């Protein structure tokens, strides 16, 4: 038998999923309205904002990737750190 806490968690996940689906449909409908049915200055502004957000998103992801690459250690440093931690017993090996 499934514990009651698990079924409540599953119900919350399903409800959240339903809310996300409804929000997605409503947002899509609003975007279509603003792009094709709104008075004339609005569609151009919607396109400009959309392009701006996409450029900012791509720039942010590229910046984050650059930061991670520039601040992460080399594979040799990571392997030696793992060996050190395993020797001290602070990290279990993969076989255990």
PDB file of N, CA and C in Angstrom:
ATOM      1  N   UNK A   1       0.842  -1.190   0.000  1.00  0.00           N
ATOM      2  CA  UNK A   1       0.000   0.000   0.000  1.00  0.00           C
ATOM      3  C   UNK A   1       0.881   1.245   0.000  1.00  0.00           C
ATOM      4  N   UNK A   2       0.472   2.245  -0.761  1.00  0.00           N
ATOM      5  CA  UNK A   2       1.230   3.499  -0.867  1.00  0.00           C
ATOM      6  C   UNK A   2       0.938   4.360   0.358  1.00  0.00           C
ATOM      7  N   UNK A   3       2.003   4.867   1.016  1.00  0.00           N
ATOM      8  CA  UNK A   3       1.779   5.742   2.161  1.00  0.00           C
ATOM      9  C   UNK A   3       0.984   6.985   1.741  1.00  0.00           C
ATOM     10  N   UNK A   4       0.131   7.517   2.631  1.00  0.00           N
ATOM     11  CA  UNK A   4      -0.687   8.690   2.280  1.00  0.00           C
ATOM     12  C   UNK A   4       0.135   9.909   1.874  1.00  0.00           C
ATOM     13  N   UNK A   5       1.337  10.069   2.465  1.00  0.00           N
ATOM     14  CA  UNK A   5       2.160  11.236   2.125  1.00  0.00           C
ATOM     15  C   UNK A   5       2.616  11.185   0.668  1.00  0.00           C
ATOM     16  N   UNK A   6       2.868   9.989   0.149  1.00  0.00           N
ATOM     17  CA  UNK A   6       3.299   9.848  -1.238  1.00  0.00           C
ATOM     18  C   UNK A   6       2.165  10.220  -2.184  1.00  0.00           C
ATOM     19  N   UNK A   7       0.951   9.770  -1.889  1.00  0.00           N
ATOM     20  CA  UNK A   7      -0.169  10.073  -2.771  1.00  0.00           C
ATOM     21  C   UNK A   7      -0.499  11.564  -2.731  1.00  0.00           C
ATOM     22  N   UNK A   8      -0.356  12.210  -1.558  1.00  0.00           N
ATOM     23  CA  UNK A   8      -0.586  13.659  -1.488  1.00  0.00           C
ATOM     24  C   UNK A   8       0.449  14.411  -2.309  1.00  0.00           C
ATOM     25  N   UNK A   9       1.693  13.959  -2.249  1.00  0.00           N
ATOM     26  CA  UNK A   9       2.744  14.588  -3.036  1.00  0.00           C
ATOM     27  C   UNK A   9       2.453  14.445  -4.523  1.00  0.00           C
ATOM     28  N   UNK A  10       2.016  13.273  -4.924  1.00  0.00           N
ATOM     29  CA  UNK A  10       1.685  13.030  -6.338  1.00  0.00           C
ATOM     30  C   UNK A  10       0.524  13.913  -6.777  1.00  0.00           C
ATOM     31  N   UNK A  11      -0.470  14.107  -5.912  1.00  0.00           N
ATOM     32  CA  UNK A  11      -1.601  14.970  -6.250  1.00  0.00           C
ATOM     33  C   UNK A  11      -1.145  16.414  -6.411  1.00  0.00           C
ATOM     34  N   UNK A  12      -0.228  16.854  -5.560  1.00  0.00           N
ATOM     35  CA  UNK A  12       0.301  18.215  -5.673  1.00  0.00           C
ATOM     36  C   UNK A  12       1.054  18.377  -6.990  1.00  0.00           C
ATOM     37  N   UNK A  13       1.832  17.360  -7.365  1.00  0.00           N
ATOM     38  CA  UNK A  13       2.567  17.419  -8.630  1.00  0.00           C
ATOM     39  C   UNK A  13       1.614  17.481  -9.816  1.00  0.00           C
ATOM     40  N   UNK A  14       0.552  16.697  -9.773  1.00  0.00           N
ATOM     41  CA  UNK A  14      -0.428  16.707 -10.870  1.00  0.00           C
ATOM     42  C   UNK A  14      -1.128  18.059 -10.953  1.00  0.00           C
ATOM     43  N   UNK A  15      -1.479  18.634  -9.804  1.00  0.00           N
ATOM     44  CA  UNK A  15      -2.131  19.931  -9.789  1.00  0.00           C
ATOM     45  C   UNK A  15      -1.196  21.002 -10.340  1.00  0.00           C
ATOM     46  N   UNK A  16       0.064  20.963  -9.940  1.00  0.00           N
ATOM     47  CA  UNK A  16       1.044  21.917 -10.457  1.00  0.00           C
ATOM     48  C   UNK A  16       1.212  21.740 -11.961  1.00  0.00           C
ATOM     49  N   UNK A  17       1.247  20.504 -12.431  1.00  0.00           N
ATOM     50  CA  UNK A  17       1.341  20.244 -13.859  1.00  0.00           C
ATOM     51  C   UNK A  17       0.149  20.795 -14.611  1.00  0.00           C
ATOM     52  N   UNK A  18      -1.052  20.630 -14.052  1.00  0.00           N
ATOM     53  CA  UNK A  18      -2.261  21.170 -14.675  1.00  0.00           C
ATOM     54  C   UNK A  18      -2.212  22.691 -14.731  1.00  0.00           C
ATOM     55  N   UNK A  19      -1.769  23.322 -13.639  1.00  0.00           N
ATOM     56  CA  UNK A  19      -1.646  24.785 -13.629  1.00  0.00           C
ATOM     57  C   UNK A  19      -0.646  25.269 -14.676  1.00  0.00           C
ATOM     58  N   UNK A  20       0.471  24.565 -14.812  1.00  0.00           N
ATOM     59  CA  UNK A  20       1.470  24.954 -15.810  1.00  0.00           C
ATOM     60  C   UNK A  20       0.917  24.819 -17.233  1.00  0.00           C
ATOM     61  N   UNK A  21       0.145  23.764 -17.483  1.00  0.00           N
ATOM     62  CA  UNK A  21      -0.450  23.591 -18.812  1.00  0.00           C
ATOM     63  C   UNK A  21      -1.442  24.706 -19.115  1.00  0.00           C
ATOM     64  N   UNK A  22      -2.282  25.049 -18.150  1.00  0.00           N
ATOM     65  CA  UNK A  22      -3.262  26.125 -18.349  1.00  0.00           C
ATOM     66  C   UNK A  22      -2.555  27.453 -18.556  1.00  0.00           C
ATOM     67  N   UNK A  23      -1.534  27.735 -17.763  1.00  0.00           N
ATOM     68  CA  UNK A  23      -0.783  28.978 -17.913  1.00  0.00           C
ATOM     69  C   UNK A  23      -0.113  29.049 -19.282  1.00  0.00           C
ATOM     70  N   UNK A  24       0.384  27.931 -19.765  1.00  0.00           N
ATOM     71  CA  UNK A  24       1.028  27.891 -21.074  1.00  0.00           C
ATOM     72  C   UNK A  24       0.038  28.223 -22.188  1.00  0.00           C
ATOM     73  N   UNK A  25      -1.142  27.647 -22.115  1.00  0.00           N
ATOM     74  CA  UNK A  25      -2.167  27.912 -23.131  1.00  0.00           C
ATOM     75  C   UNK A  25      -2.599  29.380 -23.077  1.00  0.00           C
ATOM     76  N   UNK A  26      -2.821  29.910 -21.874  1.00  0.00           N
ATOM     77  CA  UNK A  26      -3.236  31.308 -21.736  1.00  0.00           C
ATOM     78  C   UNK A  26      -2.158  32.273 -22.222  1.00  0.00           C
ATOM     79  N   UNK A  27      -0.911  31.988 -21.891  1.00  0.00           N
ATOM     80  CA  UNK A  27       0.193  32.843 -22.339  1.00  0.00           C
ATOM     81  C   UNK A  27       0.321  32.807 -23.862  1.00  0.00           C
ATOM     82  N   UNK A  28       0.157  31.639 -24.453  1.00  0.00           N
ATOM     83  CA  UNK A  28       0.212  31.522 -25.911  1.00  0.00           C
ATOM     84  C   UNK A  28      -0.924  32.302 -26.564  1.00  0.00           C
ATOM     85  N   UNK A  29      -2.119  32.196 -26.007  1.00  0.00           N
ATOM     86  CA  UNK A  29      -3.264  32.933 -26.550  1.00  0.00           C
ATOM     87  C   UNK A  29      -3.046  34.438 -26.440  1.00  0.00           C
ATOM     88  N   UNK A  30      -2.525  34.895 -25.313  1.00  0.00           N
ATOM     89  CA  UNK A  30      -2.234  36.317 -25.142  1.00  0.00           C
ATOM     90  C   UNK A  30      -1.190  36.783 -26.140  1.00  0.00           C
ATOM     91  N   UNK A  31      -0.153  35.996 -26.337  1.00  0.00           N
ATOM     92  CA  UNK A  31       0.908  36.366 -27.278  1.00  0.00           C
ATOM     93  C   UNK A  31       0.360  36.456 -28.699  1.00  0.00           C
ATOM     94  N   UNK A  32      -0.469  35.496 -29.092  1.00  0.00           N
ATOM     95  CA  UNK A  32      -1.068  35.519 -30.430  1.00  0.00           C
ATOM     96  C   UNK A  32      -1.951  36.748 -30.587  1.00  0.00           C
ATOM     97  N   UNK A  33      -2.745  37.056 -29.557  1.00  0.00           N
ATOM     98  CA  UNK A  33      -3.597  38.246 -29.626  1.00  0.00           C
ATOM     99  C   UNK A  33      -2.749  39.503 -29.778  1.00  0.00           C
ATOM    100  N   UNK A  34      -1.733  39.648 -28.925  1.00  0.00           N
ATOM    101  CA  UNK A  34      -0.903  40.851 -28.975  1.00  0.00           C
ATOM    102  C   UNK A  34      -0.147  40.971 -30.288  1.00  0.00           C
ATOM    103  N   UNK A  35       0.215  39.864 -30.877  1.00  0.00           N
ATOM    104  CA  UNK A  35       1.005  39.888 -32.099  1.00  0.00           C
ATOM    105  C   UNK A  35       0.153  40.133 -33.345  1.00  0.00           C
ATOM    106  N   UNK A  36      -1.065  39.579 -33.386  1.00  0.00           N
ATOM    107  CA  UNK A  36      -1.852  39.634 -34.618  1.00  0.00           C
ATOM    108  C   UNK A  36      -3.127  40.455 -34.522  1.00  0.00           C
ATOM    109  N   UNK A  37      -3.699  40.632 -33.350  1.00  0.00           N
ATOM    110  CA  UNK A  37      -5.007  41.272 -33.259  1.00  0.00           C
ATOM    111  C   UNK A  37      -4.998  42.619 -32.549  1.00  0.00           C
ATOM    112  N   UNK A  38      -3.939  42.963 -31.883  1.00  0.00           N
ATOM    113  CA  UNK A  38      -3.878  44.222 -31.140  1.00  0.00           C
ATOM    114  C   UNK A  38      -3.687  45.389 -32.098  1.00  0.00           C
ATOM    115  N   UNK A  39      -4.022  46.623 -31.649  1.00  0.00           N
ATOM    116  CA  UNK A  39      -3.810  47.809 -32.488  1.00  0.00           C
ATOM    117  C   UNK A  39      -2.338  47.965 -32.884  1.00  0.00           C
ATOM    118  N   UNK A  40      -2.092  48.740 -33.894  1.00  0.00           N
ATOM    119  CA  UNK A  40      -0.822  48.787 -34.617  1.00  0.00           C
ATOM    120  C   UNK A  40       0.467  48.971 -33.817  1.00  0.00           C
ATOM    121  N   UNK A  41       0.621  49.857 -32.866  1.00  0.00           N
ATOM    122  CA  UNK A  41       1.966  49.947 -32.256  1.00  0.00           C
ATOM    123  C   UNK A  41       2.313  48.742 -31.369  1.00  0.00           C
ATOM    124  N   UNK A  42       1.323  48.002 -30.928  1.00  0.00           N
ATOM    125  CA  UNK A  42       1.563  46.916 -29.975  1.00  0.00           C
ATOM    126  C   UNK A  42       2.345  45.752 -30.583  1.00  0.00           C
ATOM    127  N   UNK A  43       1.994  45.233 -31.766  1.00  0.00           N
ATOM    128  CA  UNK A  43       2.743  44.079 -32.303  1.00  0.00           C
ATOM    129  C   UNK A  43       4.244  44.341 -32.473  1.00  0.00           C
ATOM    130  N   UNK A  44       4.599  45.546 -32.920  1.00  0.00           N
ATOM    131  CA  UNK A  44       6.016  45.865 -33.077  1.00  0.00           C
ATOM    132  C   UNK A  44       6.724  45.851 -31.728  1.00  0.00           C
ATOM    133  N   UNK A  45       6.066  46.400 -30.706  1.00  0.00           N
ATOM    134  CA  UNK A  45       6.653  46.389 -29.370  1.00  0.00           C
ATOM    135  C   UNK A  45       6.784  44.965 -28.841  1.00  0.00           C
ATOM    136  N   UNK A  46       5.786  44.116 -29.094  1.00  0.00           N
ATOM    137  CA  UNK A  46       5.834  42.713 -28.658  1.00  0.00           C
ATOM    138  C   UNK A  46       7.014  42.002 -29.321  1.00  0.00           C
ATOM    139  N   UNK A  47       7.216  42.235 -30.607  1.00  0.00           N
ATOM    140  CA  UNK A  47       8.357  41.618 -31.301  1.00  0.00           C
ATOM    141  C   UNK A  47       9.683  42.109 -30.742  1.00  0.00           C
ATOM    142  N   UNK A  48       9.775  43.408 -30.489  1.00  0.00           N
ATOM    143  CA  UNK A  48      11.018  43.956 -29.942  1.00  0.00           C
ATOM    144  C   UNK A  48      11.325  43.368 -28.566  1.00  0.00           C
ATOM    145  N   UNK A  49      10.307  43.273 -27.721  1.00  0.00           N
ATOM    146  CA  UNK A  49      10.516  42.721 -26.379  1.00  0.00           C
ATOM    147  C   UNK A  49      10.892  41.241 -26.464  1.00  0.00           C
ATOM    148  N   UNK A  50      10.236  40.500 -27.370  1.00  0.00           N
ATOM    149  CA  UNK A  50      10.541  39.078 -27.536  1.00  0.00           C
ATOM    150  C   UNK A  50      11.990  38.873 -27.969  1.00  0.00           C
ATOM    151  N   UNK A  51      12.419  39.623 -28.960  1.00  0.00           N
ATOM    152  CA  UNK A  51      13.798  39.498 -29.437  1.00  0.00           C
ATOM    153  C   UNK A  51      14.779  39.905 -28.344  1.00  0.00           C
ATOM    154  N   UNK A  52      14.466  40.982 -27.624  1.00  0.00           N
ATOM    155  CA  UNK A  52      15.343  41.413 -26.536  1.00  0.00           C
ATOM    156  C   UNK A  52      15.486  40.325 -25.480  1.00  0.00           C
ATOM    157  N   UNK A  53      14.363  39.729 -25.081  1.00  0.00           N
ATOM    158  CA  UNK A  53      14.428  38.673 -24.068  1.00  0.00           C
ATOM    159  C   UNK A  53      15.218  37.461 -24.552  1.00  0.00           C
ATOM    160  N   UNK A  54      15.054  37.100 -25.814  1.00  0.00           N
ATOM    161  CA  UNK A  54      15.798  35.957 -26.344  1.00  0.00           C
ATOM    162  C   UNK A  54      17.301  36.247 -26.386  1.00  0.00           C
ATOM    163  N   UNK A  55      17.676  37.453 -26.800  1.00  0.00           N
ATOM    164  CA  UNK A  55      19.097  37.816 -26.839  1.00  0.00           C
ATOM    165  C   UNK A  55      19.672  37.828 -25.424  1.00  0.00           C
ATOM    166  N   UNK A  56      18.913  38.379 -24.464  1.00  0.00           N
ATOM    167  CA  UNK A  56      19.392  38.387 -23.080  1.00  0.00           C
ATOM    168  C   UNK A  56      19.526  36.972 -22.524  1.00  0.00           C
ATOM    169  N   UNK A  57      18.584  36.102 -22.853  1.00  0.00           N
ATOM    170  CA  UNK A  57      18.649  34.714 -22.392  1.00  0.00           C
ATOM    171  C   UNK A  57      19.868  33.996 -22.961  1.00  0.00           C
ATOM    172  N   UNK A  58      20.089  34.135 -24.257  1.00  0.00           N
ATOM    173  CA  UNK A  58      21.247  33.489 -24.892  1.00  0.00           C
ATOM    174  C   UNK A  58      22.548  34.058 -24.343  1.00  0.00           C
ATOM    175  N   UNK A  59      22.603  35.381 -24.177  1.00  0.00           N
ATOM    176  CA  UNK A  59      23.811  35.998 -23.625  1.00  0.00           C
ATOM    177  C   UNK A  59      24.062  35.536 -22.198  1.00  0.00           C
ATOM    178  N   UNK A  60      22.995  35.415 -21.419  1.00  0.00           N
ATOM    179  CA  UNK A  60      23.141  34.948 -20.043  1.00  0.00           C
ATOM    180  C   UNK A  60      23.656  33.523 -19.973  1.00  0.00           C
ATOM    181  N   UNK A  61      23.125  32.655 -20.827  1.00  0.00           N
ATOM    182  CA  UNK A  61      23.585  31.257 -20.847  1.00  0.00           C
ATOM    183  C   UNK A  61      25.042  31.185 -21.278  1.00  0.00           C
ATOM    184  N   UNK A  62      25.405  31.931 -22.314  1.00  0.00           N
ATOM    185  CA  UNK A  62      26.803  31.932 -22.761  1.00  0.00           C
ATOM    186  C   UNK A  62      27.729  32.489 -21.685  1.00  0.00           C
ATOM    187  N   UNK A  63      27.304  33.546 -20.995  1.00  0.00           N
ATOM    188  CA  UNK A  63      28.103  34.102 -19.903  1.00  0.00           C
ATOM    189  C   UNK A  63      28.277  33.115 -18.768  1.00  0.00           C
ATOM    190  N   UNK A  64      27.195  32.409 -18.426  1.00  0.00           N
ATOM    191  CA  UNK A  64      27.262  31.399 -17.366  1.00  0.00           C
ATOM    192  C   UNK A  64      28.205  30.272 -17.762  1.00  0.00           C
ATOM    193  N   UNK A  65      28.130  29.829 -19.017  1.00  0.00           N
ATOM    194  CA  UNK A  65      29.031  28.774 -19.487  1.00  0.00           C
ATOM    195  C   UNK A  65      30.480  29.244 -19.430  1.00  0.00           C
ATOM    196  N   UNK A  66      30.726  30.476 -19.827  1.00  0.00           N
ATOM    197  CA  UNK A  66      32.081  31.008 -19.759  1.00  0.00           C
ATOM    198  C   UNK A  66      32.594  31.085 -18.336  1.00  0.00           C
ATOM    199  N   UNK A  67      31.722  31.499 -17.418  1.00  0.00           N
ATOM    200  CA  UNK A  67      32.113  31.567 -16.009  1.00  0.00           C
ATOM    201  C   UNK A  67      32.467  30.181 -15.477  1.00  0.00           C
ATOM    202  N   UNK A  68      31.626  29.209 -15.778  1.00  0.00           N
ATOM    203  CA  UNK A  68      31.876  27.842 -15.296  1.00  0.00           C
ATOM    204  C   UNK A  68      33.181  27.306 -15.869  1.00  0.00           C
ATOM    205  N   UNK A  69      33.404  27.521 -17.157  1.00  0.00           N
ATOM    206  CA  UNK A  69      34.637  27.035 -17.768  1.00  0.00           C
ATOM    207  C   UNK A  69      35.870  27.721 -17.192  1.00  0.00           C
ATOM    208  N   UNK A  70      35.770  29.011 -16.908  1.00  0.00           N
ATOM    209  CA  UNK A  70      36.943  29.736 -16.437  1.00  0.00           C
ATOM    210  C   UNK A  70      37.239  29.496 -14.962  1.00  0.00           C
ATOM    211  N   UNK A  71      36.237  29.086 -14.182  1.00  0.00           N
ATOM    212  CA  UNK A  71      36.471  28.904 -12.746  1.00  0.00           C
ATOM    213  C   UNK A  71      36.585  27.451 -12.318  1.00  0.00           C
ATOM    214  N   UNK A  72      36.286  26.514 -13.214  1.00  0.00           N
ATOM    215  CA  UNK A  72      36.373  25.107 -12.813  1.00  0.00           C
ATOM    216  C   UNK A  72      37.816  24.633 -12.903  1.00  0.00           C
ATOM    217  N   UNK A  73      38.109  23.648 -12.093  1.00  0.00           N
ATOM    218  CA  UNK A  73      39.461  23.098 -12.081  1.00  0.00           C
ATOM    219  C   UNK A  73      39.685  22.162 -13.251  1.00  0.00           C
ATOM    220  N   UNK A  74      40.937  21.879 -13.499  1.00  0.00           N
ATOM    221  CA  UNK A  74      41.255  20.943 -14.565  1.00  0.00           C
ATOM    222  C   UNK A  74      40.881  19.536 -14.116  1.00  0.00           C
ATOM    223  N   UNK A  75      40.695  18.621 -15.065  1.00  0.00           N
ATOM    224  CA  UNK A  75      40.332  17.245 -14.681  1.00  0.00           C
ATOM    225  C   UNK A  75      41.355  16.601 -13.741  1.00  0.00           C
ATOM    226  N   UNK A  76      42.636  16.929 -13.910  1.00  0.00           N
ATOM    227  CA  UNK A  76      43.662  16.358 -13.044  1.00  0.00           C
ATOM    228  C   UNK A  76      43.474  16.837 -11.603  1.00  0.00           C
ATOM    229  N   UNK A  77      43.150  18.135 -11.441  1.00  0.00           N
ATOM    230  CA  UNK A  77      42.936  18.668 -10.100  1.00  0.00           C
ATOM    231  C   UNK A  77      41.731  17.999  -9.442  1.00  0.00           C
ATOM    232  N   UNK A  78      40.674  17.797 -10.197  1.00  0.00           N
ATOM    233  CA  UNK A  78      39.473  17.173  -9.659  1.00  0.00           C
ATOM    234  C   UNK A  78      39.755  15.729  -9.268  1.00  0.00           C
ATOM    235  N   UNK A  79      40.475  14.989 -10.113  1.00  0.00           N
ATOM    236  CA  UNK A  79      40.799  13.598  -9.799  1.00  0.00           C
ATOM    237  C   UNK A  79      41.665  13.500  -8.556  1.00  0.00           C
ATOM    238  N   UNK A  80      42.643  14.408  -8.407  1.00  0.00           N
ATOM    239  CA  UNK A  80      43.495  14.351  -7.216  1.00  0.00           C
ATOM    240  C   UNK A  80      42.702  14.706  -5.970  1.00  0.00           C
ATOM    241  N   UNK A  81      41.758  15.615  -6.075  1.00  0.00           N
ATOM    242  CA  UNK A  81      40.904  15.965  -4.942  1.00  0.00           C
ATOM    243  C   UNK A  81      40.025  14.780  -4.548  1.00  0.00           C
ATOM    244  N   UNK A  82      39.501  14.072  -5.527  1.00  0.00           N
ATOM    245  CA  UNK A  82      38.681  12.888  -5.240  1.00  0.00           C
ATOM    246  C   UNK A  82      39.518  11.820  -4.547  1.00  0.00           C
ATOM    247  N   UNK A  83      40.739  11.587  -5.041  1.00  0.00           N
ATOM    248  CA  UNK A  83      41.619  10.593  -4.406  1.00  0.00           C
ATOM    249  C   UNK A  83      41.924  10.979  -2.959  1.00  0.00           C
ATOM    250  N   UNK A  84      42.202  12.275  -2.728  1.00  0.00           N
ATOM    251  CA  UNK A  84      42.490  12.758  -1.377  1.00  0.00           C
ATOM    252  C   UNK A  84      41.320  12.491  -0.445  1.00  0.00           C
ATOM    253  N   UNK A  85      40.111  12.812  -0.910  1.00  0.00           N
ATOM    254  CA  UNK A  85      38.921  12.622  -0.084  1.00  0.00           C
ATOM    255  C   UNK A  85      38.655  11.144   0.177  1.00  0.00           C
ATOM    256  N   UNK A  86      38.914  10.292  -0.808  1.00  0.00           N
ATOM    257  CA  UNK A  86      38.725   8.859  -0.616  1.00  0.00           C
ATOM    258  C   UNK A  86      39.723   8.314   0.401  1.00  0.00           C
ATOM    259  N   UNK A  87      40.975   8.803   0.362  1.00  0.00           N
ATOM    260  CA  UNK A  87      41.994   8.350   1.309  1.00  0.00           C
ATOM    261  C   UNK A  87      41.640   8.758   2.733  1.00  0.00           C
ATOM    262  N   UNK A  88      41.068   9.932   2.892  1.00  0.00           N
ATOM    263  CA  UNK A  88      40.674  10.402   4.218  1.00  0.00           C
ATOM    264  C   UNK A  88      39.387   9.718   4.701  1.00  0.00           C
ATOM    265  N   UNK A  89      38.696   9.057   3.797  1.00  0.00           N
ATOM    266  CA  UNK A  89      37.455   8.392   4.170  1.00  0.00           C
ATOM    267  C   UNK A  89      36.248   9.311   4.124  1.00  0.00           C
ATOM    268  N   UNK A  90      36.410  10.499   3.587  1.00  0.00           N
ATOM    269  CA  UNK A  90      35.310  11.445   3.508  1.00  0.00           C
ATOM    270  C   UNK A  90      34.439  11.210   2.286  1.00  0.00           C
ATOM    271  N   UNK A  91      34.910  10.384   1.387  1.00  0.00           N
ATOM    272  CA  UNK A  91      34.179  10.103   0.150  1.00  0.00           C
ATOM    273  C   UNK A  91      34.281   8.617  -0.111  1.00  0.00           C
ATOM    274  N   UNK A  92      33.139   7.968  -0.300  1.00  0.00           N
ATOM    275  CA  UNK A  92      33.177   6.531  -0.567  1.00  0.00           C
ATOM    276  C   UNK A  92      33.535   6.301  -2.012  1.00  0.00           C
ATOM    277  N   UNK A  93      34.208   5.195  -2.300  1.00  0.00           N
ATOM    278  CA  UNK A  93      34.570   4.882  -3.672  1.00  0.00           C
ATOM    279  C   UNK A  93      33.348   4.369  -4.415  1.00  0.00           C
ATOM    280  N   UNK A  94      33.406   4.301  -5.742  1.00  0.00           N
ATOM    281  CA  UNK A  94      32.279   3.931  -6.571  1.00  0.00           C
ATOM    282  C   UNK A  94      31.808   2.496  -6.334  1.00  0.00           C
ATOM    283  N   UNK A  95      32.693   1.595  -5.988  1.00  0.00           N
ATOM    284  CA  UNK A  95      32.349   0.194  -5.826  1.00  0.00           C
ATOM    285  C   UNK A  95      31.524  -0.111  -4.594  1.00  0.00           C
ATOM    286  N   UNK A  96      31.455   0.798  -3.640  1.00  0.00           N
ATOM    287  CA  UNK A  96      30.756   0.515  -2.383  1.00  0.00           C
ATOM    288  C   UNK A  96      29.316   0.909  -2.433  1.00  0.00           C
TER     289      UNK A  96
END
